[in-house]
Amino acid sequence: MSTSITEIETYGVERIPDAERTARPVDLFRVAFGGANTFATCVLGAFPILFGLSFWQGLAATVLGLAVGALILAPLSLFGPLNGTNNAVSSSAHLGVHGRIVGSFLSLLTAIAFFSISVWSSGDALVGGAHRLVGLPDTDVTYGVAYALFAGLVLVVCVYGFRFMLFVNKIAVAAASLLFVLGAVAFAGDFDPSYPGTLAAGDPLFWPSFIGAALIVLSNPVSFGAFLGDWSRYIPASTPRSKVMAAAFLSQIATILPFFFGLATASIIAAKAAEYMDPAAPNYVGGLLAIAPAWYFVPVCLIALIGGMSTGTTSLYGTGLDFSSVFPRFSRVRATVFIGTLSIVFIFVGRFAANLTQSISTFATLIITCTAPWMVIMMLGYVTRRGWYDPEALQVFNRRQTGGRYWFAHGWNARGLAAWLVSAALALAFVNLPGQFVGPLGGLAGGIDISLPVGLGMAAVLYLALLAAFPEPREVYGPDGPRLVRSADTPVPPIAGAEAAA
């Protein structure tokens, strides 16, 4: 692939040739951090205050959720450099060459949800800031134009591909970070770290609120799990794995900046005007604009534009890439344009016709709940395989072939699929989002939403148990054999088909 940002990327999910894998771990850091260094993350940072926590309690919940989430996410960065393709294709090794569509559709749905959130939140902030700054009418037409222009810019960047997206994120990381730091000056006079929250000492709702806030923060790093391979597949396989994981880990730890911004400004909003913090539909952007000094309206608009571009491009780029992997007849560019167009239609229908702007956050939470067990299966699969994979066998589905090490039973690996299905279903049953979605078991933990830990734990236990009870073929483990589990002498069919590799 050319290093020029103006040359359209032609590679999809086929293995990137070694000679053209010139990205570095720092590039992965920029893309992953840039995609989260936005208003959407600030809104998540406001939730501890929404839940009634004090500033210091909210900060503790934020740090806890961020650290745990980053640790869960980091190993998912290894598959891209190792296999030269995205994580959905790499999941063929554990779910089967057909079962890998689970990862593709999870990332597809997550990307559409977060692309929509980025366009809505950034468009609202942009129009709101312009309204207060120059009196721009905040009508549906104005919002529609803002959404269309913003979504169109994102789509153009994604069509050009990885290098253009990396260029945007290089600018976004520095610019958005500087503007958030500038916010410390804007709100320093109003910020009071002794903000007490609304929960009284010894309140029985404290622990449910604290854990719930930490899990919301944790969900942000987890949401990147299916996409890390999209960005890391251009990193050479020879790159030390510790450096790749460190880049992914630190990219999420760095988001303490927008999380802190959201937490601090939310405490100011809550102290000054409780009406801006309606728990049923928190209007964080409106509250932020209400308390911001007039000179900070331009930085708010810039954060909306830069941060939203970063989140939107990382989301939509992964969407097009995964859709092209599910339907190999689509090139990456065609898939990106097709899915991008559908997403833009969804954005307008959801905003102006169906009132989906609130429920989309619930939808994103449920998708992340289902993605977390898939991530555990990928990580444990990596451990049991000793990090060994057959890149050619991973591409069987994309080449419309049959057979290979990951064919299992007609392209489906019941071990990984059963572990994911049971774990995801159980996790959904424990979801507790009052006023939005409460699973049938959501009340068993005293009001605490424990869906993510339940899904993570169940996936780990069940997947390892299934590998022990039903050993996989010896051929999938490579020359050094399995780790922690045993294998079976099951024959593996050869790769067959018109596009079989030479």
Protein backbone atom coordinates (compact mmCIF):
# COMPACT_ATOMS: atom_id res chain seq x y z
CA MET A 1 0.00 0.00 0.00
CA SER A 2 1.29 3.50 -0.83
CA THR A 3 2.23 5.74 2.07
CA SER A 4 0.39 8.64 0.43
CA ILE A 5 -2.72 9.66 2.34
CA THR A 6 -4.43 10.72 -0.90
CA GLU A 7 -4.23 7.27 -2.51
CA ILE A 8 -7.30 5.16 -1.86
CA GLU A 9 -6.56 2.02 0.14
CA THR A 10 -7.31 -1.11 -1.87
CA TYR A 11 -6.69 -3.80 0.74
CA GLY A 12 -9.62 -5.36 2.52
CA VAL A 13 -9.37 -8.31 4.90
CA GLU A 14 -6.86 -10.30 2.84
CA ARG A 15 -3.51 -10.68 4.56
CA ILE A 16 -1.46 -7.48 4.21
CA PRO A 17 1.88 -8.28 2.51
CA ASP A 18 4.84 -8.01 4.86
CA ALA A 19 6.54 -5.40 2.70
CA GLU A 20 3.63 -3.02 3.05
CA ARG A 21 3.13 -3.33 6.80
CA THR A 22 4.94 -0.17 7.85
CA ALA A 23 2.78 1.09 10.73
CA ARG A 24 4.18 1.34 14.26
CA PRO A 25 2.68 0.77 17.72
CA VAL A 26 2.51 4.54 18.15
CA ASP A 27 0.17 4.65 15.13
CA LEU A 28 -2.12 2.17 16.88
CA PHE A 29 -2.01 4.41 19.95
CA ARG A 30 -3.00 7.47 17.92
CA VAL A 31 -5.96 5.80 16.24
CA ALA A 32 -7.29 4.08 19.37
CA PHE A 33 -6.81 7.13 21.58
CA GLY A 34 -8.08 9.53 18.94
CA GLY A 35 -11.25 7.48 18.52
CA ALA A 36 -12.05 7.89 22.22
CA ASN A 37 -10.76 11.43 22.83
CA THR A 38 -14.18 12.94 22.09
CA PHE A 39 -17.41 14.36 23.45
CA ALA A 40 -18.91 10.88 23.53
CA THR A 41 -16.31 9.89 26.13
CA CYS A 42 -16.99 13.09 28.07
CA VAL A 43 -20.65 12.08 28.28
CA LEU A 44 -19.61 8.70 29.71
CA GLY A 45 -17.42 10.57 32.18
CA ALA A 46 -20.49 12.41 33.45
CA PHE A 47 -22.30 9.24 34.52
CA PRO A 48 -20.70 8.89 37.99
CA ILE A 49 -22.19 12.29 38.82
CA LEU A 50 -25.51 11.26 37.29
CA PHE A 51 -25.49 8.23 39.58
CA GLY A 52 -25.12 10.47 42.63
CA LEU A 53 -21.44 9.93 43.41
CA SER A 54 -19.16 12.65 44.72
CA PHE A 55 -16.34 13.92 42.53
CA TRP A 56 -13.68 11.82 44.28
CA GLN A 57 -15.88 8.72 44.33
CA GLY A 58 -16.58 9.24 40.64
CA LEU A 59 -12.88 9.62 39.91
CA ALA A 60 -12.12 6.36 41.75
CA ALA A 61 -14.83 4.53 39.76
CA THR A 62 -13.47 6.02 36.52
CA VAL A 63 -9.87 4.98 37.19
CA LEU A 64 -10.98 1.47 38.19
CA GLY A 65 -13.16 0.96 35.12
CA LEU A 66 -10.57 2.41 32.79
CA ALA A 67 -7.70 0.28 34.11
CA VAL A 68 -9.67 -2.98 34.04
CA GLY A 69 -11.12 -2.22 30.60
CA ALA A 70 -7.68 -1.41 29.17
CA LEU A 71 -6.27 -4.67 30.53
CA ILE A 72 -9.10 -6.63 28.90
CA LEU A 73 -8.65 -4.81 25.60
CA ALA A 74 -4.86 -4.91 25.22
CA PRO A 75 -4.47 -8.58 24.15
CA LEU A 76 -6.90 -8.05 21.26
CA SER A 77 -4.24 -5.90 19.59
CA LEU A 78 -1.99 -8.92 18.92
CA PHE A 79 -4.08 -10.58 16.22
CA GLY A 80 -3.61 -7.84 13.62
CA PRO A 81 0.20 -7.91 13.45
CA LEU A 82 0.26 -11.70 13.77
CA ASN A 83 -2.20 -12.50 10.97
CA GLY A 84 -2.17 -9.32 8.89
CA THR A 85 -5.96 -9.11 8.89
CA ASN A 86 -8.78 -7.89 11.11
CA ASN A 87 -9.94 -9.58 14.30
CA ALA A 88 -13.16 -10.94 12.82
CA VAL A 89 -11.18 -12.96 10.26
CA SER A 90 -8.72 -14.06 12.95
CA SER A 91 -11.66 -15.38 14.99
CA SER A 92 -12.04 -18.09 12.33
CA ALA A 93 -9.42 -20.01 14.29
CA HIS A 94 -11.73 -20.28 17.30
CA LEU A 95 -15.27 -20.06 15.90
CA GLY A 96 -14.70 -21.67 12.51
CA VAL A 97 -14.35 -20.11 9.08
CA HIS A 98 -18.11 -19.59 8.93
CA GLY A 99 -18.57 -18.92 12.64
CA ARG A 100 -16.31 -15.87 12.34
CA ILE A 101 -19.33 -13.95 11.03
CA VAL A 102 -20.28 -13.52 14.72
CA GLY A 103 -17.33 -11.15 15.14
CA SER A 104 -18.08 -9.40 11.87
CA PHE A 105 -21.68 -8.62 12.76
CA LEU A 106 -20.80 -7.62 16.33
CA SER A 107 -18.30 -5.09 15.02
CA LEU A 108 -20.72 -4.03 12.28
CA LEU A 109 -23.48 -3.22 14.77
CA THR A 110 -21.10 -1.58 17.23
CA ALA A 111 -19.59 0.60 14.54
CA ILE A 112 -22.97 1.81 13.26
CA ALA A 113 -24.06 2.62 16.81
CA PHE A 114 -20.92 4.59 17.68
CA PHE A 115 -20.83 6.32 14.29
CA SER A 116 -24.38 7.50 14.95
CA ILE A 117 -23.51 8.64 18.48
CA SER A 118 -20.48 10.57 17.22
CA VAL A 119 -22.49 12.34 14.51
CA TRP A 120 -25.36 13.21 16.87
CA SER A 121 -23.26 14.40 19.80
CA SER A 122 -20.78 16.34 17.66
CA GLY A 123 -23.50 17.84 15.48
CA ASP A 124 -25.49 18.94 18.53
CA ALA A 125 -22.43 20.52 20.15
CA LEU A 126 -21.42 22.23 16.90
CA VAL A 127 -24.86 23.74 16.32
CA GLY A 128 -25.35 24.60 20.00
CA GLY A 129 -21.99 26.35 20.21
CA ALA A 130 -22.60 28.26 16.97
CA HIS A 131 -26.07 29.26 18.21
CA ARG A 132 -24.65 30.81 21.38
CA LEU A 133 -21.63 32.29 19.62
CA VAL A 134 -23.12 33.86 16.48
CA GLY A 135 -26.86 33.27 16.87
CA LEU A 136 -27.11 30.44 14.32
CA PRO A 137 -30.73 29.16 14.40
CA ASP A 138 -30.92 25.78 16.15
CA THR A 139 -33.66 24.37 13.94
CA ASP A 140 -34.11 20.87 12.56
CA VAL A 141 -32.83 22.11 9.21
CA THR A 142 -29.64 23.43 10.82
CA TYR A 143 -29.08 20.19 12.67
CA GLY A 144 -29.77 18.20 9.50
CA VAL A 145 -27.19 20.18 7.52
CA ALA A 146 -24.63 19.74 10.32
CA TYR A 147 -25.24 15.98 10.47
CA ALA A 148 -25.03 15.62 6.69
CA LEU A 149 -21.80 17.61 6.33
CA PHE A 150 -20.19 15.90 9.27
CA ALA A 151 -21.16 12.38 8.18
CA GLY A 152 -20.07 13.15 4.62
CA LEU A 153 -16.61 14.25 5.76
CA VAL A 154 -16.24 11.08 7.81
CA LEU A 155 -17.27 8.94 4.84
CA VAL A 156 -14.70 10.60 2.57
CA VAL A 157 -11.89 9.92 5.05
CA CYS A 158 -12.95 6.29 5.41
CA VAL A 159 -13.07 5.75 1.65
CA TYR A 160 -9.46 6.91 1.35
CA GLY A 161 -8.58 4.40 4.06
CA PHE A 162 -6.10 3.69 6.80
CA ARG A 163 -3.40 6.26 5.95
CA PHE A 164 -5.86 9.14 5.67
CA MET A 165 -7.54 8.04 8.90
CA LEU A 166 -4.14 7.90 10.60
CA PHE A 167 -3.39 11.43 9.35
CA VAL A 168 -6.69 12.72 10.79
CA ASN A 169 -5.98 11.07 14.12
CA LYS A 170 -2.47 12.50 14.32
CA ILE A 171 -4.06 15.94 14.24
CA ALA A 172 -7.03 14.99 16.40
CA VAL A 173 -5.01 13.55 19.27
CA ALA A 174 -2.94 16.71 19.74
CA ALA A 175 -5.67 19.24 18.98
CA ALA A 176 -8.47 17.69 21.05
CA SER A 177 -6.11 17.08 23.98
CA LEU A 178 -5.00 20.72 23.90
CA LEU A 179 -8.61 21.90 23.82
CA PHE A 180 -9.53 19.70 26.78
CA VAL A 181 -6.58 21.12 28.72
CA LEU A 182 -7.77 24.60 27.75
CA GLY A 183 -11.06 23.62 29.35
CA ALA A 184 -9.24 23.41 32.68
CA VAL A 185 -8.68 27.17 32.38
CA ALA A 186 -12.26 27.80 31.30
CA PHE A 187 -13.84 25.98 34.24
CA ALA A 188 -11.16 26.38 36.93
CA GLY A 189 -13.08 29.09 38.75
CA ASP A 190 -16.25 27.00 39.04
CA PHE A 191 -14.74 23.57 39.70
CA ASP A 192 -14.96 22.30 43.28
CA PRO A 193 -13.37 18.88 43.89
CA SER A 194 -15.28 18.65 47.17
CA TYR A 195 -18.59 18.24 45.29
CA PRO A 196 -20.42 15.80 47.61
CA GLY A 197 -22.81 14.10 45.21
CA THR A 198 -26.39 13.28 46.07
CA LEU A 199 -25.92 9.97 47.86
CA ALA A 200 -25.89 10.29 51.63
CA ALA A 201 -23.25 8.49 53.71
CA GLY A 202 -24.14 4.82 54.09
CA ASP A 203 -26.76 5.00 51.35
CA PRO A 204 -27.60 1.44 50.18
CA LEU A 205 -27.42 2.68 46.59
CA PHE A 206 -23.76 3.67 46.90
CA TRP A 207 -22.17 0.38 45.82
CA PRO A 208 -24.65 -0.25 42.99
CA SER A 209 -23.94 3.29 41.77
CA PHE A 210 -20.17 2.99 42.15
CA ILE A 211 -19.96 -0.37 40.38
CA GLY A 212 -22.42 0.75 37.73
CA ALA A 213 -20.33 3.84 37.00
CA ALA A 214 -17.13 1.77 36.80
CA LEU A 215 -18.76 -0.68 34.38
CA ILE A 216 -19.95 2.15 32.12
CA VAL A 217 -16.37 3.43 31.95
CA LEU A 218 -15.10 -0.12 31.39
CA SER A 219 -17.44 -0.54 28.45
CA ASN A 220 -15.62 2.18 26.51
CA PRO A 221 -12.33 0.26 26.11
CA VAL A 222 -14.24 -2.98 25.57
CA SER A 223 -16.10 -1.38 22.65
CA PHE A 224 -12.80 -1.23 20.71
CA GLY A 225 -12.14 -4.97 21.01
CA ALA A 226 -13.52 -5.98 17.64
CA PHE A 227 -11.73 -3.13 15.84
CA LEU A 228 -8.13 -3.30 17.04
CA GLY A 229 -7.17 -5.67 14.24
CA ASP A 230 -8.51 -3.17 11.69
CA TRP A 231 -5.80 -0.72 12.77
CA SER A 232 -2.98 -3.02 13.91
CA ARG A 233 -2.89 -5.24 10.80
CA TYR A 234 -0.41 -2.85 9.17
CA ILE A 235 2.09 -3.36 12.03
CA PRO A 236 4.86 -5.86 11.10
CA ALA A 237 4.57 -9.30 12.67
CA SER A 238 8.13 -8.95 13.99
CA THR A 239 7.13 -6.06 16.28
CA PRO A 240 7.53 -7.06 19.95
CA ARG A 241 4.14 -8.08 21.26
CA SER A 242 4.72 -6.18 24.49
CA LYS A 243 4.99 -2.92 22.53
CA VAL A 244 1.77 -3.58 20.61
CA MET A 245 -0.15 -4.41 23.80
CA ALA A 246 1.34 -1.39 25.56
CA ALA A 247 0.14 0.88 22.77
CA ALA A 248 -3.41 -0.45 23.06
CA PHE A 249 -3.34 -0.31 26.86
CA LEU A 250 -1.94 3.23 27.07
CA SER A 251 -4.35 4.49 24.41
CA GLN A 252 -7.20 3.77 26.79
CA ILE A 253 -5.41 4.97 29.92
CA ALA A 254 -4.84 8.28 28.10
CA THR A 255 -8.61 8.72 27.81
CA ILE A 256 -8.57 9.74 31.46
CA LEU A 257 -8.32 13.22 29.90
CA PRO A 258 -11.82 13.33 28.32
CA PHE A 259 -13.23 11.21 31.16
CA PHE A 260 -11.88 13.69 33.72
CA PHE A 261 -13.20 16.60 31.67
CA GLY A 262 -16.67 15.03 31.63
CA LEU A 263 -16.56 14.18 35.33
CA ALA A 264 -15.38 17.62 36.41
CA THR A 265 -17.76 19.61 34.21
CA ALA A 266 -20.66 17.34 35.15
CA SER A 267 -20.03 18.12 38.82
CA ILE A 268 -20.15 21.83 37.99
CA ILE A 269 -23.36 21.41 36.02
CA ALA A 270 -24.94 19.38 38.82
CA ALA A 271 -23.96 21.94 41.43
CA LYS A 272 -25.18 24.91 39.39
CA ALA A 273 -28.25 23.65 37.60
CA ALA A 274 -29.75 20.25 38.41
CA GLU A 275 -32.13 20.53 35.48
CA TYR A 276 -29.26 19.85 33.09
CA MET A 277 -28.72 16.43 34.64
CA ASP A 278 -32.05 14.73 34.08
CA PRO A 279 -31.27 11.02 34.78
CA ALA A 280 -33.79 9.88 32.17
CA ALA A 281 -32.10 11.82 29.38
CA PRO A 282 -28.94 13.60 30.50
CA ASN A 283 -28.36 16.70 28.36
CA TYR A 284 -24.67 16.96 29.03
CA VAL A 285 -23.88 19.06 25.94
CA GLY A 286 -26.61 21.56 26.79
CA GLY A 287 -25.41 21.81 30.37
CA LEU A 288 -21.80 22.26 29.25
CA LEU A 289 -22.70 25.12 26.92
CA ALA A 290 -24.78 26.73 29.67
CA ILE A 291 -21.87 26.89 32.13
CA ALA A 292 -19.05 27.58 29.65
CA PRO A 293 -17.66 31.12 29.31
CA ALA A 294 -18.37 32.72 25.94
CA TRP A 295 -14.73 32.51 24.82
CA TYR A 296 -14.82 28.70 25.17
CA PHE A 297 -17.68 28.25 22.69
CA VAL A 298 -15.23 28.11 19.76
CA PRO A 299 -13.10 25.41 21.47
CA VAL A 300 -16.30 23.47 22.17
CA CYS A 301 -17.16 23.58 18.47
CA LEU A 302 -13.63 22.50 17.56
CA ILE A 303 -13.73 19.59 20.02
CA ALA A 304 -17.05 18.56 18.48
CA LEU A 305 -15.61 18.69 14.96
CA ILE A 306 -12.19 17.14 15.62
CA GLY A 307 -13.24 14.54 18.17
CA GLY A 308 -16.31 13.51 16.22
CA MET A 309 -14.27 13.08 13.05
CA SER A 310 -11.87 10.83 14.92
CA THR A 311 -14.57 8.62 16.45
CA GLY A 312 -16.62 8.56 13.27
CA THR A 313 -13.72 7.51 11.07
CA THR A 314 -12.51 4.74 13.37
CA SER A 315 -16.06 3.38 13.59
CA LEU A 316 -17.05 3.59 9.94
CA TYR A 317 -13.71 2.35 8.63
CA GLY A 318 -14.12 -0.83 10.65
CA THR A 319 -17.69 -1.15 9.45
CA GLY A 320 -16.74 -1.15 5.79
CA LEU A 321 -13.84 -3.51 6.38
CA ASP A 322 -15.97 -6.06 8.23
CA PHE A 323 -18.84 -5.88 5.76
CA SER A 324 -16.42 -6.60 2.93
CA SER A 325 -15.17 -9.61 4.89
CA VAL A 326 -18.69 -11.05 5.28
CA PHE A 327 -19.55 -10.43 1.61
CA PRO A 328 -16.23 -10.90 -0.23
CA ARG A 329 -17.71 -9.71 -3.55
CA PHE A 330 -17.74 -6.19 -2.05
CA SER A 331 -14.43 -4.33 -2.13
CA ARG A 332 -13.50 -2.35 0.96
CA VAL A 333 -14.38 0.94 -0.78
CA ARG A 334 -17.76 -0.27 -2.03
CA ALA A 335 -18.62 -1.78 1.34
CA THR A 336 -17.64 1.45 3.09
CA VAL A 337 -19.79 3.58 0.80
CA PHE A 338 -22.73 1.18 1.08
CA ILE A 339 -22.66 0.88 4.87
CA GLY A 340 -21.84 4.57 5.29
CA THR A 341 -24.87 5.56 3.23
CA LEU A 342 -27.13 3.23 5.23
CA SER A 343 -25.70 4.62 8.46
CA ILE A 344 -26.40 8.19 7.39
CA VAL A 345 -30.00 7.26 6.57
CA PHE A 346 -30.24 5.60 9.99
CA ILE A 347 -28.88 8.77 11.63
CA PHE A 348 -31.53 10.98 10.04
CA VAL A 349 -34.40 8.57 10.68
CA GLY A 350 -33.30 8.07 14.26
CA ARG A 351 -32.89 11.77 14.95
CA PHE A 352 -35.92 13.25 13.22
CA ALA A 353 -38.48 10.47 12.69
CA ALA A 354 -38.15 7.63 15.19
CA ASN A 355 -36.64 9.38 18.25
CA LEU A 356 -33.94 6.74 18.58
CA THR A 357 -31.23 9.05 19.92
CA GLN A 358 -31.77 7.86 23.50
CA SER A 359 -32.28 4.19 22.76
CA ILE A 360 -29.14 4.00 20.60
CA SER A 361 -27.00 4.28 23.75
CA THR A 362 -28.88 1.31 25.18
CA PHE A 363 -28.37 -0.57 21.94
CA ALA A 364 -24.62 0.14 22.08
CA THR A 365 -24.47 -1.11 25.67
CA LEU A 366 -26.20 -4.37 24.74
CA ILE A 367 -23.86 -4.92 21.80
CA ILE A 368 -20.84 -4.38 24.04
CA THR A 369 -22.31 -6.87 26.52
CA CYS A 370 -22.38 -9.45 23.73
CA THR A 371 -18.91 -8.50 22.47
CA ALA A 372 -17.12 -9.00 25.82
CA PRO A 373 -17.54 -12.84 25.87
CA TRP A 374 -16.31 -12.97 22.27
CA MET A 375 -13.18 -11.10 23.36
CA VAL A 376 -12.55 -13.62 26.16
CA ILE A 377 -12.81 -16.53 23.73
CA MET A 378 -10.33 -14.82 21.42
CA MET A 379 -7.86 -14.21 24.25
CA LEU A 380 -8.08 -17.72 25.69
CA GLY A 381 -7.87 -19.15 22.20
CA TYR A 382 -4.65 -17.20 21.68
CA VAL A 383 -3.24 -18.59 24.93
CA THR A 384 -4.17 -22.23 24.22
CA ARG A 385 -2.77 -21.93 20.66
CA ARG A 386 0.47 -20.38 21.98
CA GLY A 387 -0.11 -17.49 19.61
CA TRP A 388 0.24 -19.75 16.55
CA TYR A 389 -2.11 -19.32 13.55
CA ASP A 390 -2.23 -20.40 9.91
CA PRO A 391 -2.86 -17.19 7.88
CA GLU A 392 -3.87 -19.12 4.76
CA ALA A 393 -6.47 -21.20 6.59
CA LEU A 394 -7.93 -17.99 8.07
CA GLN A 395 -8.74 -16.75 4.55
CA VAL A 396 -10.81 -19.79 3.48
CA PHE A 397 -14.16 -18.02 3.87
CA ASN A 398 -13.00 -14.89 2.02
CA ARG A 399 -11.76 -16.99 -0.90
CA ARG A 400 -14.96 -19.07 -1.00
CA GLN A 401 -13.01 -22.24 -0.29
CA THR A 402 -13.59 -25.24 1.98
CA GLY A 403 -11.39 -27.21 4.35
CA GLY A 404 -8.26 -26.23 6.20
CA ARG A 405 -7.25 -26.26 9.86
CA TYR A 406 -10.22 -24.13 10.91
CA TRP A 407 -12.94 -25.94 9.01
CA PHE A 408 -14.04 -28.00 12.07
CA ALA A 409 -17.66 -29.10 11.32
CA HIS A 410 -18.67 -27.56 7.98
CA GLY A 411 -16.97 -24.30 8.93
CA TRP A 412 -18.41 -24.04 12.45
CA ASN A 413 -16.57 -24.64 15.73
CA ALA A 414 -19.27 -25.55 18.24
CA ARG A 415 -16.91 -25.08 21.21
CA GLY A 416 -16.33 -21.38 20.68
CA LEU A 417 -19.81 -20.70 19.35
CA ALA A 418 -21.55 -22.41 22.29
CA ALA A 419 -19.34 -20.62 24.82
CA TRP A 420 -20.12 -17.25 23.22
CA LEU A 421 -23.84 -17.86 22.79
CA VAL A 422 -24.45 -19.06 26.36
CA SER A 423 -22.25 -16.34 27.90
CA ALA A 424 -23.78 -13.53 25.84
CA ALA A 425 -27.32 -14.69 26.62
CA LEU A 426 -26.57 -14.92 30.34
CA ALA A 427 -24.90 -11.50 30.33
CA LEU A 428 -27.93 -9.94 28.62
CA ALA A 429 -30.16 -11.49 31.28
CA PHE A 430 -28.19 -9.61 33.97
CA VAL A 431 -28.31 -6.20 32.25
CA ASN A 432 -29.86 -3.55 34.49
CA LEU A 433 -30.41 -0.20 32.80
CA PRO A 434 -33.38 1.33 34.68
CA GLY A 435 -35.87 2.98 32.37
CA GLN A 436 -34.19 1.48 29.30
CA PHE A 437 -33.55 -2.27 29.52
CA VAL A 438 -33.63 -4.65 32.48
CA GLY A 439 -32.96 -8.34 31.85
CA PRO A 440 -34.94 -11.09 33.60
CA LEU A 441 -32.08 -11.54 36.10
CA GLY A 442 -31.18 -7.86 36.29
CA GLY A 443 -32.47 -7.43 39.83
CA LEU A 444 -30.56 -10.30 41.43
CA ALA A 445 -27.54 -8.17 42.37
CA GLY A 446 -29.39 -5.50 44.33
CA GLY A 447 -29.74 -3.14 41.40
CA ILE A 448 -26.12 -3.49 40.27
CA ASP A 449 -25.56 -4.13 36.56
CA ILE A 450 -23.15 -7.08 36.62
CA SER A 451 -23.72 -8.16 33.04
CA LEU A 452 -20.15 -7.54 31.88
CA PRO A 453 -18.39 -9.47 34.68
CA VAL A 454 -20.93 -12.29 34.32
CA GLY A 455 -20.32 -12.50 30.57
CA LEU A 456 -16.55 -12.35 30.93
CA GLY A 457 -16.41 -14.97 33.69
CA MET A 458 -18.87 -17.39 32.09
CA ALA A 459 -17.09 -17.23 28.74
CA ALA A 460 -13.74 -18.06 30.36
CA VAL A 461 -15.05 -21.01 32.38
CA LEU A 462 -17.30 -22.46 29.68
CA TYR A 463 -14.84 -22.14 26.80
CA LEU A 464 -12.02 -23.87 28.69
CA ALA A 465 -14.44 -26.57 29.88
CA LEU A 466 -15.58 -27.25 26.32
CA LEU A 467 -12.00 -27.41 25.06
CA ALA A 468 -11.24 -29.95 27.77
CA ALA A 469 -14.37 -32.04 27.15
CA PHE A 470 -14.18 -31.91 23.35
CA PRO A 471 -10.51 -31.56 22.31
CA GLU A 472 -9.78 -29.72 19.08
CA PRO A 473 -7.72 -31.29 16.27
CA ARG A 474 -3.99 -31.45 16.86
CA GLU A 475 -3.41 -29.58 13.58
CA VAL A 476 -4.89 -26.29 14.85
CA TYR A 477 -2.19 -25.94 17.53
CA GLY A 478 0.88 -25.78 15.36
CA PRO A 479 4.32 -27.32 16.00
CA ASP A 480 4.48 -26.80 19.79
CA GLY A 481 1.07 -28.29 20.57
CA PRO A 482 -1.63 -26.92 22.88
CA ARG A 483 -1.25 -25.09 26.18
CA LEU A 484 -3.56 -25.84 29.17
CA VAL A 485 -5.76 -28.18 27.13
CA ARG A 486 -5.34 -31.44 25.23
CA SER A 487 -5.80 -32.16 21.54
CA ALA A 488 -7.32 -34.98 19.47
CA ASP A 489 -6.00 -36.85 16.43
CA THR A 490 -8.87 -35.67 14.27
CA PRO A 491 -8.12 -35.45 10.52
CA VAL A 492 -8.23 -32.00 8.92
CA PRO A 493 -9.55 -31.71 5.34
CA PRO A 494 -7.25 -29.95 2.86
CA ILE A 495 -8.14 -26.52 1.53
CA ALA A 496 -10.06 -26.91 -1.70
CA GLY A 497 -11.64 -24.52 -4.18
CA ALA A 498 -10.98 -22.52 -7.32
CA GLU A 499 -9.03 -19.87 -5.39
CA ALA A 500 -6.84 -22.23 -3.37
CA ALA A 501 -3.50 -20.73 -2.64
CA ALA A 502 -0.55 -22.15 -4.51
